Amino acid sequence: MINLEALDLYKNDFSEEFPLSVKNCTSLKSLNLGANKFSGNLPVWIGESLSGLYVLTLRSKNFSGNIPLQLCQLAGLQILDLSVNHFHGTIPSCLSNFTIMVTEGFSQVDYSLITYSYNVDHVMIQWQGTEREFIRSNMVLLRSIDLLSNNLTGEIPHQITNLDELIALNLSKNALLGKIPWKIGQMKNLLTLDLSRNKFSGEIRSTMSQMTWLNYLDVSDNSLSGRIPSSTQLQSFDPSRYEGNLGLCGPPLTKKCPGDEESGIQHSIGVKVRGKV
């Protein structure tokens, strides 16, 4: 099995802990153990023994413990899916080591190697709230981190904003807190960003108005406050994507921000005065 490049055990009924035999599959490019009953901690050897991974999908419902720092050794990782598990602790700041998700590293990628060198016809990931299949020809452009539905705490590490080639980031349904990183606006290639159902506070960063490719955003059910920044994207989303944040105001919400009504009255008075002159 040392020459095996793809192992897909998706949607079976396998249980027990992470299979130790995988450690010997040092040529693996894609590993999918999702939708099984594997449990326990992720082994620390995963970063060293499987250093060539491009795809790691462990959506399992039963993995637990901290996200091991050794995972950050997977510099070529395109797709990381640890969703729907019981991981706790903080998000490792060293995820910024995924150099394929950074412009400098992405520009040096051998696309033919990613797309054709290993026997992967498709990959299933959560995309904008639903499970979707991505075929081989689209995988070269896909760079995704999915930590949905775990028990992660602490703040979003600011280093994650260095992943400026990331396409999808899903941190929904955790216990994350603090403010949205100021530099999140530099992640200009994000198409989908889900921060819903956490404990984030403060404002929606004005830098997010620079995320011109964003076509899916959900920040609902947090403790965010202030005016929603003005941009073509941020006002185009359904109001439900902002609900559950009692302090948020401004379009697309119907709730006006402090001073909005007063400004409207002043404008109305000014028009009447000019009309009399």
Foldseek 3Di string as FASTA:
>chain_A
DCQAAEDAPEQDADEEADDPVVLSNQNYAEYAPANYHHAEEDDLCCLVSNLNYQYDHHNHQHYEEADHPSVLSNLCHQYAHPENYAYEEADDLSVLSVQCLAPVSVVPDPLCCQQPVHPDQWDWDQDLNRIDIDGSVCSSLAHEHAHHAYAYEEEDRLSVLNSLSHAYYHPYNYAYEEEDHQSVLSSQNHQEYEQDDYAYEEEDHLSVLNNVNHQYAAHEQYQYADEQHDHPRRQPDDCNSHYNHVHYADHPDPHHDPPPVVVVVVVVVVVVVVVVD
